[in-house]
Amino acid sequence: SMTDSLGAAEFVAALIKSSAAGIVNLLPAIIFVVGCLLAFAT
């Protein structure tokens, strides 16, 4: 609940959307790492 209140979802969404265009071929690996870290943290 504290993580949700701090806006973790919005932060991750903005971070990925802003950097996704230039790294399309590495996007699956980056999404995998982000998914691991986000699920571990929450």
PDB file of all heavy atoms in Angstrom:
ATOM      1  N   SER A   1       0.831  -1.211   0.000  1.00  0.00           N
ATOM      2  CA  SER A   1       0.000   0.000   0.000  1.00  0.00           C
ATOM      3  C   SER A   1       0.863   1.257   0.000  1.00  0.00           C
ATOM      4  O   SER A   1       0.551   2.242  -0.690  1.00  0.00           O
ATOM      5  CB  SER A   1      -0.923   0.016   1.219  1.00  0.00           C
ATOM      6  OG  SER A   1      -1.786  -1.090   1.188  1.00  0.00           O
ATOM      7  N   MET A   2       1.957   1.228   0.759  1.00  0.00           N
ATOM      8  CA  MET A   2       2.860   2.381   0.778  1.00  0.00           C
ATOM      9  C   MET A   2       3.513   2.581  -0.590  1.00  0.00           C
ATOM     10  O   MET A   2       3.650   3.711  -1.069  1.00  0.00           O
ATOM     11  CB  MET A   2       3.936   2.194   1.855  1.00  0.00           C
ATOM     12  CG  MET A   2       3.417   2.368   3.257  1.00  0.00           C
ATOM     13  SD  MET A   2       4.585   2.053   4.593  1.00  0.00           S
ATOM     14  CE  MET A   2       6.161   2.141   3.886  1.00  0.00           C
ATOM     15  N   THR A   3       3.916   1.483  -1.232  1.00  0.00           N
ATOM     16  CA  THR A   3       4.519   1.571  -2.565  1.00  0.00           C
ATOM     17  C   THR A   3       3.535   2.144  -3.564  1.00  0.00           C
ATOM     18  O   THR A   3       3.899   2.988  -4.400  1.00  0.00           O
ATOM     19  CB  THR A   3       4.994   0.174  -3.025  1.00  0.00           C
ATOM     20  OG1 THR A   3       5.839  -0.383  -2.033  1.00  0.00           O
ATOM     21  CG2 THR A   3       5.741   0.247  -4.331  1.00  0.00           C
ATOM     22  N   ASP A   4       2.276   1.700  -3.507  1.00  0.00           N
ATOM     23  CA  ASP A   4       1.245   2.239  -4.393  1.00  0.00           C
ATOM     24  C   ASP A   4       1.015   3.722  -4.133  1.00  0.00           C
ATOM     25  O   ASP A   4       0.834   4.511  -5.068  1.00  0.00           O
ATOM     26  CB  ASP A   4      -0.070   1.474  -4.215  1.00  0.00           C
ATOM     27  CG  ASP A   4       0.027   0.045  -4.729  1.00  0.00           C
ATOM     28  OD1 ASP A   4       0.963  -0.242  -5.513  1.00  0.00           O
ATOM     29  OD2 ASP A   4      -0.821  -0.782  -4.346  1.00  0.00           O
ATOM     30  N   SER A   5       1.023   4.121  -2.855  1.00  0.00           N
ATOM     31  CA  SER A   5       0.792   5.518  -2.500  1.00  0.00           C
ATOM     32  C   SER A   5       1.921   6.421  -2.984  1.00  0.00           C
ATOM     33  O   SER A   5       1.694   7.582  -3.315  1.00  0.00           O
ATOM     34  CB  SER A   5       0.654   5.669  -0.980  1.00  0.00           C
ATOM     35  OG  SER A   5      -0.431   4.919  -0.509  1.00  0.00           O
ATOM     36  N   LEU A   6       3.136   5.876  -3.040  1.00  0.00           N
ATOM     37  CA  LEU A   6       4.269   6.674  -3.514  1.00  0.00           C
ATOM     38  C   LEU A   6       4.291   6.825  -5.032  1.00  0.00           C
ATOM     39  O   LEU A   6       5.093   7.585  -5.564  1.00  0.00           O
ATOM     40  CB  LEU A   6       5.583   6.038  -3.046  1.00  0.00           C
ATOM     41  CG  LEU A   6       5.859   6.138  -1.547  1.00  0.00           C
ATOM     42  CD1 LEU A   6       7.067   5.298  -1.166  1.00  0.00           C
ATOM     43  CD2 LEU A   6       6.093   7.589  -1.152  1.00  0.00           C
ATOM     44  N   GLY A   7       3.435   6.076  -5.731  1.00  0.00           N
ATOM     45  CA  GLY A   7       3.333   6.215  -7.187  1.00  0.00           C
ATOM     46  C   GLY A   7       4.352   5.406  -7.957  1.00  0.00           C
ATOM     47  O   GLY A   7       4.846   5.849  -8.995  1.00  0.00           O
ATOM     48  N   ALA A   8       4.667   4.206  -7.480  1.00  0.00           N
ATOM     49  CA  ALA A   8       5.642   3.354  -8.171  1.00  0.00           C
ATOM     50  C   ALA A   8       5.164   2.991  -9.572  1.00  0.00           C
ATOM     51  O   ALA A   8       5.957   2.966 -10.518  1.00  0.00           O
ATOM     52  CB  ALA A   8       5.912   2.088  -7.364  1.00  0.00           C
ATOM     53  N   ALA A   9       3.877   2.703  -9.722  1.00  0.00           N
ATOM     54  CA  ALA A   9       3.347   2.308 -11.037  1.00  0.00           C
ATOM     55  C   ALA A   9       3.510   3.425 -12.052  1.00  0.00           C
ATOM     56  O   ALA A   9       3.948   3.202 -13.190  1.00  0.00           O
ATOM     57  CB  ALA A   9       1.872   1.925 -10.896  1.00  0.00           C
ATOM     58  N   GLU A  10       3.180   4.646 -11.656  1.00  0.00           N
ATOM     59  CA  GLU A  10       3.280   5.791 -12.567  1.00  0.00           C
ATOM     60  C   GLU A  10       4.741   6.069 -12.936  1.00  0.00           C
ATOM     61  O   GLU A  10       5.057   6.408 -14.073  1.00  0.00           O
ATOM     62  CB  GLU A  10       2.655   7.031 -11.949  1.00  0.00           C
ATOM     63  CG  GLU A  10       1.145   6.963 -11.793  1.00  0.00           C
ATOM     64  CD  GLU A  10       0.695   6.147 -10.593  1.00  0.00           C
ATOM     65  OE1 GLU A  10       1.548   5.774  -9.742  1.00  0.00           O
ATOM     66  OE2 GLU A  10      -0.514   5.850 -10.504  1.00  0.00           O
ATOM     67  N   PHE A  11       5.645   5.921 -11.938  1.00  0.00           N
ATOM     68  CA  PHE A  11       7.067   6.162 -12.191  1.00  0.00           C
ATOM     69  C   PHE A  11       7.612   5.176 -13.219  1.00  0.00           C
ATOM     70  O   PHE A  11       8.301   5.562 -14.171  1.00  0.00           O
ATOM     71  CB  PHE A  11       7.847   6.056 -10.879  1.00  0.00           C
ATOM     72  CG  PHE A  11       9.333   6.143 -11.065  1.00  0.00           C
ATOM     73  CD1 PHE A  11       9.947   7.349 -11.349  1.00  0.00           C
ATOM     74  CD2 PHE A  11      10.114   4.995 -10.968  1.00  0.00           C
ATOM     75  CE1 PHE A  11      11.317   7.419 -11.528  1.00  0.00           C
ATOM     76  CE2 PHE A  11      11.487   5.059 -11.149  1.00  0.00           C
ATOM     77  CZ  PHE A  11      12.091   6.272 -11.428  1.00  0.00           C
ATOM     78  N   VAL A  12       7.307   3.883 -13.025  1.00  0.00           N
ATOM     79  CA  VAL A  12       7.797   2.854 -13.955  1.00  0.00           C
ATOM     80  C   VAL A  12       7.200   3.056 -15.342  1.00  0.00           C
ATOM     81  O   VAL A  12       7.893   2.936 -16.358  1.00  0.00           O
ATOM     82  CB  VAL A  12       7.488   1.441 -13.407  1.00  0.00           C
ATOM     83  CG1 VAL A  12       7.785   0.376 -14.438  1.00  0.00           C
ATOM     84  CG2 VAL A  12       8.283   1.183 -12.140  1.00  0.00           C
ATOM     85  N   ALA A  13       5.917   3.394 -15.401  1.00  0.00           N
ATOM     86  CA  ALA A  13       5.255   3.614 -16.694  1.00  0.00           C
ATOM     87  C   ALA A  13       5.913   4.760 -17.454  1.00  0.00           C
ATOM     88  O   ALA A  13       6.213   4.653 -18.651  1.00  0.00           O
ATOM     89  CB  ALA A  13       3.775   3.905 -16.475  1.00  0.00           C
ATOM     90  N   ALA A  14       6.171   5.881 -16.772  1.00  0.00           N
ATOM     91  CA  ALA A  14       6.787   7.035 -17.428  1.00  0.00           C
ATOM     92  C   ALA A  14       8.213   6.720 -17.875  1.00  0.00           C
ATOM     93  O   ALA A  14       8.637   7.119 -18.966  1.00  0.00           O
ATOM     94  CB  ALA A  14       6.789   8.223 -16.472  1.00  0.00           C
ATOM     95  N   LEU A  15       8.942   5.982 -17.054  1.00  0.00           N
ATOM     96  CA  LEU A  15      10.323   5.642 -17.374  1.00  0.00           C
ATOM     97  C   LEU A  15      10.403   4.771 -18.627  1.00  0.00           C
ATOM     98  O   LEU A  15      11.223   5.021 -19.519  1.00  0.00           O
ATOM     99  CB  LEU A  15      10.956   4.916 -16.184  1.00  0.00           C
ATOM    100  CG  LEU A  15      12.440   4.619 -16.258  1.00  0.00           C
ATOM    101  CD1 LEU A  15      13.238   5.912 -16.207  1.00  0.00           C
ATOM    102  CD2 LEU A  15      12.848   3.702 -15.120  1.00  0.00           C
ATOM    103  N   ILE A  16       9.540   3.769 -18.714  1.00  0.00           N
ATOM    104  CA  ILE A  16       9.592   2.858 -19.866  1.00  0.00           C
ATOM    105  C   ILE A  16       9.097   3.548 -21.129  1.00  0.00           C
ATOM    106  O   ILE A  16       9.690   3.403 -22.198  1.00  0.00           O
ATOM    107  CB  ILE A  16       8.782   1.578 -19.566  1.00  0.00           C
ATOM    108  CG1 ILE A  16       9.509   0.757 -18.498  1.00  0.00           C
ATOM    109  CG2 ILE A  16       8.612   0.735 -20.815  1.00  0.00           C
ATOM    110  CD1 ILE A  16       8.786  -0.465 -18.060  1.00  0.00           C
ATOM    111  N   LYS A  17       8.016   4.315 -21.020  1.00  0.00           N
ATOM    112  CA  LYS A  17       7.486   4.996 -22.209  1.00  0.00           C
ATOM    113  C   LYS A  17       8.485   5.986 -22.783  1.00  0.00           C
ATOM    114  O   LYS A  17       8.590   6.152 -23.996  1.00  0.00           O
ATOM    115  CB  LYS A  17       6.180   5.706 -21.868  1.00  0.00           C
ATOM    116  CG  LYS A  17       4.982   4.798 -21.858  1.00  0.00           C
ATOM    117  CD  LYS A  17       3.713   5.572 -21.620  1.00  0.00           C
ATOM    118  CE  LYS A  17       2.511   4.642 -21.608  1.00  0.00           C
ATOM    119  NZ  LYS A  17       1.273   5.351 -21.282  1.00  0.00           N
ATOM    120  N   SER A  18       9.223   6.663 -21.931  1.00  0.00           N
ATOM    121  CA  SER A  18      10.162   7.684 -22.416  1.00  0.00           C
ATOM    122  C   SER A  18      11.382   7.068 -23.086  1.00  0.00           C
ATOM    123  O   SER A  18      11.993   7.697 -23.948  1.00  0.00           O
ATOM    124  CB  SER A  18      10.603   8.582 -21.258  1.00  0.00           C
ATOM    125  OG  SER A  18      11.322   7.826 -20.299  1.00  0.00           O
ATOM    126  N   SER A  19      11.760   5.849 -22.709  1.00  0.00           N
ATOM    127  CA  SER A  19      12.993   5.270 -23.243  1.00  0.00           C
ATOM    128  C   SER A  19      12.771   4.113 -24.206  1.00  0.00           C
ATOM    129  O   SER A  19      13.725   3.528 -24.693  1.00  0.00           O
ATOM    130  CB  SER A  19      13.875   4.792 -22.081  1.00  0.00           C
ATOM    131  OG  SER A  19      13.192   3.809 -21.341  1.00  0.00           O
ATOM    132  N   ALA A  20      11.518   3.769 -24.501  1.00  0.00           N
ATOM    133  CA  ALA A  20      11.252   2.569 -25.306  1.00  0.00           C
ATOM    134  C   ALA A  20      11.569   2.744 -26.778  1.00  0.00           C
ATOM    135  O   ALA A  20      11.900   1.783 -27.461  1.00  0.00           O
ATOM    136  CB  ALA A  20       9.794   2.145 -25.145  1.00  0.00           C
ATOM    137  N   ALA A  21      11.488   3.959 -27.300  1.00  0.00           N
ATOM    138  CA  ALA A  21      11.618   4.145 -28.745  1.00  0.00           C
ATOM    139  C   ALA A  21      13.013   3.798 -29.258  1.00  0.00           C
ATOM    140  O   ALA A  21      13.155   3.180 -30.315  1.00  0.00           O
ATOM    141  CB  ALA A  21      11.271   5.581 -29.109  1.00  0.00           C
ATOM    142  N   GLY A  22      14.053   4.143 -28.539  1.00  0.00           N
ATOM    143  CA  GLY A  22      15.409   3.953 -29.042  1.00  0.00           C
ATOM    144  C   GLY A  22      15.993   2.574 -28.806  1.00  0.00           C
ATOM    145  O   GLY A  22      17.058   2.277 -29.325  1.00  0.00           O
ATOM    146  N   ILE A  23      15.339   1.754 -28.045  1.00  0.00           N
ATOM    147  CA  ILE A  23      15.918   0.457 -27.662  1.00  0.00           C
ATOM    148  C   ILE A  23      14.953  -0.684 -27.949  1.00  0.00           C
ATOM    149  O   ILE A  23      14.765  -1.566 -27.137  1.00  0.00           O
ATOM    150  CB  ILE A  23      16.304   0.473 -26.173  1.00  0.00           C
ATOM    151  CG1 ILE A  23      15.164   1.019 -25.322  1.00  0.00           C
ATOM    152  CG2 ILE A  23      17.561   1.265 -25.919  1.00  0.00           C
ATOM    153  CD1 ILE A  23      15.375   0.924 -23.850  1.00  0.00           C
ATOM    154  N   VAL A  24      14.371  -0.668 -29.116  1.00  0.00           N
ATOM    155  CA  VAL A  24      13.309  -1.625 -29.444  1.00  0.00           C
ATOM    156  C   VAL A  24      13.804  -3.071 -29.381  1.00  0.00           C
ATOM    157  O   VAL A  24      13.112  -3.940 -28.840  1.00  0.00           O
ATOM    158  CB  VAL A  24      12.719  -1.315 -30.844  1.00  0.00           C
ATOM    159  CG1 VAL A  24      11.732  -2.385 -31.273  1.00  0.00           C
ATOM    160  CG2 VAL A  24      12.041   0.034 -30.839  1.00  0.00           C
ATOM    161  N   ASN A  25      15.005  -3.353 -29.887  1.00  0.00           N
ATOM    162  CA  ASN A  25      15.486  -4.735 -29.908  1.00  0.00           C
ATOM    163  C   ASN A  25      15.828  -5.267 -28.523  1.00  0.00           C
ATOM    164  O   ASN A  25      15.797  -6.473 -28.300  1.00  0.00           O
ATOM    165  CB  ASN A  25      16.707  -4.865 -30.826  1.00  0.00           C
ATOM    166  CG  ASN A  25      16.320  -4.767 -32.284  1.00  0.00           C
ATOM    167  OD1 ASN A  25      15.163  -4.947 -32.639  1.00  0.00           O
ATOM    168  ND2 ASN A  25      17.281  -4.454 -33.129  1.00  0.00           N
ATOM    169  N   LEU A  26      16.164  -4.377 -27.598  1.00  0.00           N
ATOM    170  CA  LEU A  26      16.456  -4.806 -26.234  1.00  0.00           C
ATOM    171  C   LEU A  26      15.240  -4.696 -25.316  1.00  0.00           C
ATOM    172  O   LEU A  26      15.344  -4.969 -24.127  1.00  0.00           O
ATOM    173  CB  LEU A  26      17.615  -3.984 -25.660  1.00  0.00           C
ATOM    174  CG  LEU A  26      18.987  -4.274 -26.241  1.00  0.00           C
ATOM    175  CD1 LEU A  26      20.025  -3.348 -25.632  1.00  0.00           C
ATOM    176  CD2 LEU A  26      19.387  -5.718 -26.028  1.00  0.00           C
ATOM    177  N   LEU A  27      14.112  -4.291 -25.865  1.00  0.00           N
ATOM    178  CA  LEU A  27      12.924  -4.059 -25.049  1.00  0.00           C
ATOM    179  C   LEU A  27      12.462  -5.312 -24.289  1.00  0.00           C
ATOM    180  O   LEU A  27      12.133  -5.211 -23.105  1.00  0.00           O
ATOM    181  CB  LEU A  27      11.785  -3.496 -25.906  1.00  0.00           C
ATOM    182  CG  LEU A  27      10.623  -2.894 -25.142  1.00  0.00           C
ATOM    183  CD1 LEU A  27      11.091  -1.757 -24.243  1.00  0.00           C
ATOM    184  CD2 LEU A  27       9.560  -2.402 -26.087  1.00  0.00           C
ATOM    185  N   PRO A  28      12.438  -6.518 -24.903  1.00  0.00           N
ATOM    186  CA  PRO A  28      12.025  -7.691 -24.120  1.00  0.00           C
ATOM    187  C   PRO A  28      12.909  -7.938 -22.893  1.00  0.00           C
ATOM    188  O   PRO A  28      12.401  -8.219 -21.809  1.00  0.00           O
ATOM    189  CB  PRO A  28      12.136  -8.846 -25.122  1.00  0.00           C
ATOM    190  CG  PRO A  28      11.985  -8.220 -26.450  1.00  0.00           C
ATOM    191  CD  PRO A  28      12.619  -6.871 -26.321  1.00  0.00           C
ATOM    192  N   ALA A  29      14.220  -7.803 -23.051  1.00  0.00           N
ATOM    193  CA  ALA A  29      15.127  -8.014 -21.919  1.00  0.00           C
ATOM    194  C   ALA A  29      14.922  -6.953 -20.843  1.00  0.00           C
ATOM    195  O   ALA A  29      14.931  -7.258 -19.644  1.00  0.00           O
ATOM    196  CB  ALA A  29      16.575  -8.009 -22.402  1.00  0.00           C
ATOM    197  N   ILE A  30      14.703  -5.710 -21.256  1.00  0.00           N
ATOM    198  CA  ILE A  30      14.494  -4.621 -20.292  1.00  0.00           C
ATOM    199  C   ILE A  30      13.180  -4.815 -19.553  1.00  0.00           C
ATOM    200  O   ILE A  30      13.118  -4.659 -18.327  1.00  0.00           O
ATOM    201  CB  ILE A  30      14.547  -3.253 -21.012  1.00  0.00           C
ATOM    202  CG1 ILE A  30      15.970  -2.992 -21.502  1.00  0.00           C
ATOM    203  CG2 ILE A  30      14.070  -2.131 -20.098  1.00  0.00           C
ATOM    204  CD1 ILE A  30      16.090  -1.830 -22.442  1.00  0.00           C
ATOM    205  N   ILE A  31      12.131  -5.188 -20.282  1.00  0.00           N
ATOM    206  CA  ILE A  31      10.833  -5.434 -19.637  1.00  0.00           C
ATOM    207  C   ILE A  31      10.941  -6.610 -18.665  1.00  0.00           C
ATOM    208  O   ILE A  31      10.347  -6.594 -17.587  1.00  0.00           O
ATOM    209  CB  ILE A  31       9.741  -5.708 -20.701  1.00  0.00           C
ATOM    210  CG1 ILE A  31       9.454  -4.436 -21.495  1.00  0.00           C
ATOM    211  CG2 ILE A  31       8.467  -6.232 -20.074  1.00  0.00           C
ATOM    212  CD1 ILE A  31       8.758  -3.336 -20.712  1.00  0.00           C
ATOM    213  N   PHE A  32      11.720  -7.631 -19.026  1.00  0.00           N
ATOM    214  CA  PHE A  32      11.925  -8.770 -18.130  1.00  0.00           C
ATOM    215  C   PHE A  32      12.565  -8.317 -16.821  1.00  0.00           C
ATOM    216  O   PHE A  32      12.108  -8.683 -15.731  1.00  0.00           O
ATOM    217  CB  PHE A  32      12.791  -9.830 -18.823  1.00  0.00           C
ATOM    218  CG  PHE A  32      13.121 -11.002 -17.957  1.00  0.00           C
ATOM    219  CD1 PHE A  32      12.178 -11.985 -17.697  1.00  0.00           C
ATOM    220  CD2 PHE A  32      14.376 -11.130 -17.378  1.00  0.00           C
ATOM    221  CE1 PHE A  32      12.472 -13.073 -16.881  1.00  0.00           C
ATOM    222  CE2 PHE A  32      14.680 -12.210 -16.567  1.00  0.00           C
ATOM    223  CZ  PHE A  32      13.725 -13.181 -16.317  1.00  0.00           C
ATOM    224  N   VAL A  33      13.621  -7.515 -16.908  1.00  0.00           N
ATOM    225  CA  VAL A  33      14.319  -7.034 -15.704  1.00  0.00           C
ATOM    226  C   VAL A  33      13.413  -6.133 -14.874  1.00  0.00           C
ATOM    227  O   VAL A  33      13.331  -6.259 -13.645  1.00  0.00           O
ATOM    228  CB  VAL A  33      15.632  -6.306 -16.088  1.00  0.00           C
ATOM    229  CG1 VAL A  33      16.247  -5.620 -14.881  1.00  0.00           C
ATOM    230  CG2 VAL A  33      16.618  -7.280 -16.697  1.00  0.00           C
ATOM    231  N   VAL A  34      12.698  -5.225 -15.539  1.00  0.00           N
ATOM    232  CA  VAL A  34      11.780  -4.326 -14.825  1.00  0.00           C
ATOM    233  C   VAL A  34      10.683  -5.131 -14.137  1.00  0.00           C
ATOM    234  O   VAL A  34      10.329  -4.870 -12.982  1.00  0.00           O
ATOM    235  CB  VAL A  34      11.178  -3.275 -15.786  1.00  0.00           C
ATOM    236  CG1 VAL A  34      10.042  -2.507 -15.127  1.00  0.00           C
ATOM    237  CG2 VAL A  34      12.244  -2.304 -16.251  1.00  0.00           C
ATOM    238  N   GLY A  35      10.143  -6.149 -14.826  1.00  0.00           N
ATOM    239  CA  GLY A  35       9.125  -7.009 -14.225  1.00  0.00           C
ATOM    240  C   GLY A  35       9.648  -7.750 -13.010  1.00  0.00           C
ATOM    241  O   GLY A  35       8.967  -7.843 -11.981  1.00  0.00           O
ATOM    242  N   CYS A  36      10.891  -8.258 -13.102  1.00  0.00           N
ATOM    243  CA  CYS A  36      11.503  -8.950 -11.954  1.00  0.00           C
ATOM    244  C   CYS A  36      11.624  -8.013 -10.758  1.00  0.00           C
ATOM    245  O   CYS A  36      11.226  -8.357  -9.634  1.00  0.00           O
ATOM    246  CB  CYS A  36      12.894  -9.469 -12.318  1.00  0.00           C
ATOM    247  SG  CYS A  36      12.913 -10.917 -13.372  1.00  0.00           S
ATOM    248  N   LEU A  37      12.188  -6.840 -10.989  1.00  0.00           N
ATOM    249  CA  LEU A  37      12.428  -5.896  -9.894  1.00  0.00           C
ATOM    250  C   LEU A  37      11.125  -5.377  -9.290  1.00  0.00           C
ATOM    251  O   LEU A  37      10.996  -5.267  -8.070  1.00  0.00           O
ATOM    252  CB  LEU A  37      13.295  -4.736 -10.384  1.00  0.00           C
ATOM    253  CG  LEU A  37      14.707  -5.103 -10.825  1.00  0.00           C
ATOM    254  CD1 LEU A  37      15.437  -3.889 -11.385  1.00  0.00           C
ATOM    255  CD2 LEU A  37      15.492  -5.712  -9.680  1.00  0.00           C
ATOM    256  N   LEU A  38      10.168  -5.072 -10.153  1.00  0.00           N
ATOM    257  CA  LEU A  38       8.892  -4.536  -9.665  1.00  0.00           C
ATOM    258  C   LEU A  38       8.126  -5.584  -8.855  1.00  0.00           C
ATOM    259  O   LEU A  38       7.587  -5.283  -7.784  1.00  0.00           O
ATOM    260  CB  LEU A  38       8.057  -4.050 -10.851  1.00  0.00           C
ATOM    261  CG  LEU A  38       6.853  -3.183 -10.546  1.00  0.00           C
ATOM    262  CD1 LEU A  38       7.271  -1.926  -9.792  1.00  0.00           C
ATOM    263  CD2 LEU A  38       6.155  -2.787 -11.838  1.00  0.00           C
ATOM    264  N   ALA A  39       8.095  -6.820  -9.345  1.00  0.00           N
ATOM    265  CA  ALA A  39       7.398  -7.883  -8.610  1.00  0.00           C
ATOM    266  C   ALA A  39       8.122  -8.216  -7.310  1.00  0.00           C
ATOM    267  O   ALA A  39       7.480  -8.495  -6.300  1.00  0.00           O
ATOM    268  CB  ALA A  39       7.273  -9.135  -9.483  1.00  0.00           C
ATOM    269  N   PHE A  40       9.450  -8.174  -7.327  1.00  0.00           N
ATOM    270  CA  PHE A  40      10.206  -8.426  -6.099  1.00  0.00           C
ATOM    271  C   PHE A  40       9.927  -7.337  -5.065  1.00  0.00           C
ATOM    272  O   PHE A  40       9.762  -7.620  -3.878  1.00  0.00           O
ATOM    273  CB  PHE A  40      11.704  -8.485  -6.405  1.00  0.00           C
ATOM    274  CG  PHE A  40      12.552  -8.832  -5.218  1.00  0.00           C
ATOM    275  CD1 PHE A  40      12.761 -10.151  -4.870  1.00  0.00           C
ATOM    276  CD2 PHE A  40      13.135  -7.841  -4.452  1.00  0.00           C
ATOM    277  CE1 PHE A  40      13.528 -10.493  -3.769  1.00  0.00           C
ATOM    278  CE2 PHE A  40      13.914  -8.164  -3.350  1.00  0.00           C
ATOM    279  CZ  PHE A  40      14.113  -9.485  -3.009  1.00  0.00           C
ATOM    280  N   ALA A  41       9.850  -6.094  -5.518  1.00  0.00           N
ATOM    281  CA  ALA A  41       9.648  -4.972  -4.591  1.00  0.00           C
ATOM    282  C   ALA A  41       8.227  -4.919  -4.046  1.00  0.00           C
ATOM    283  O   ALA A  41       8.021  -4.564  -2.888  1.00  0.00           O
ATOM    284  CB  ALA A  41       9.989  -3.659  -5.284  1.00  0.00           C
ATOM    285  N   THR A  42       7.253  -5.272  -4.877  1.00  0.00           N
ATOM    286  CA  THR A  42       5.854  -5.167  -4.437  1.00  0.00           C
ATOM    287  C   THR A  42       5.301  -6.485  -3.914  1.00  0.00           C
ATOM    288  O   THR A  42       4.288  -6.490  -3.221  1.00  0.00           O
ATOM    289  CB  THR A  42       4.954  -4.686  -5.592  1.00  0.00           C
ATOM    290  OG1 THR A  42       5.028  -5.612  -6.683  1.00  0.00           O
ATOM    291  CG2 THR A  42       5.360  -3.298  -6.055  1.00  0.00           C
TER     292      THR A  42
END
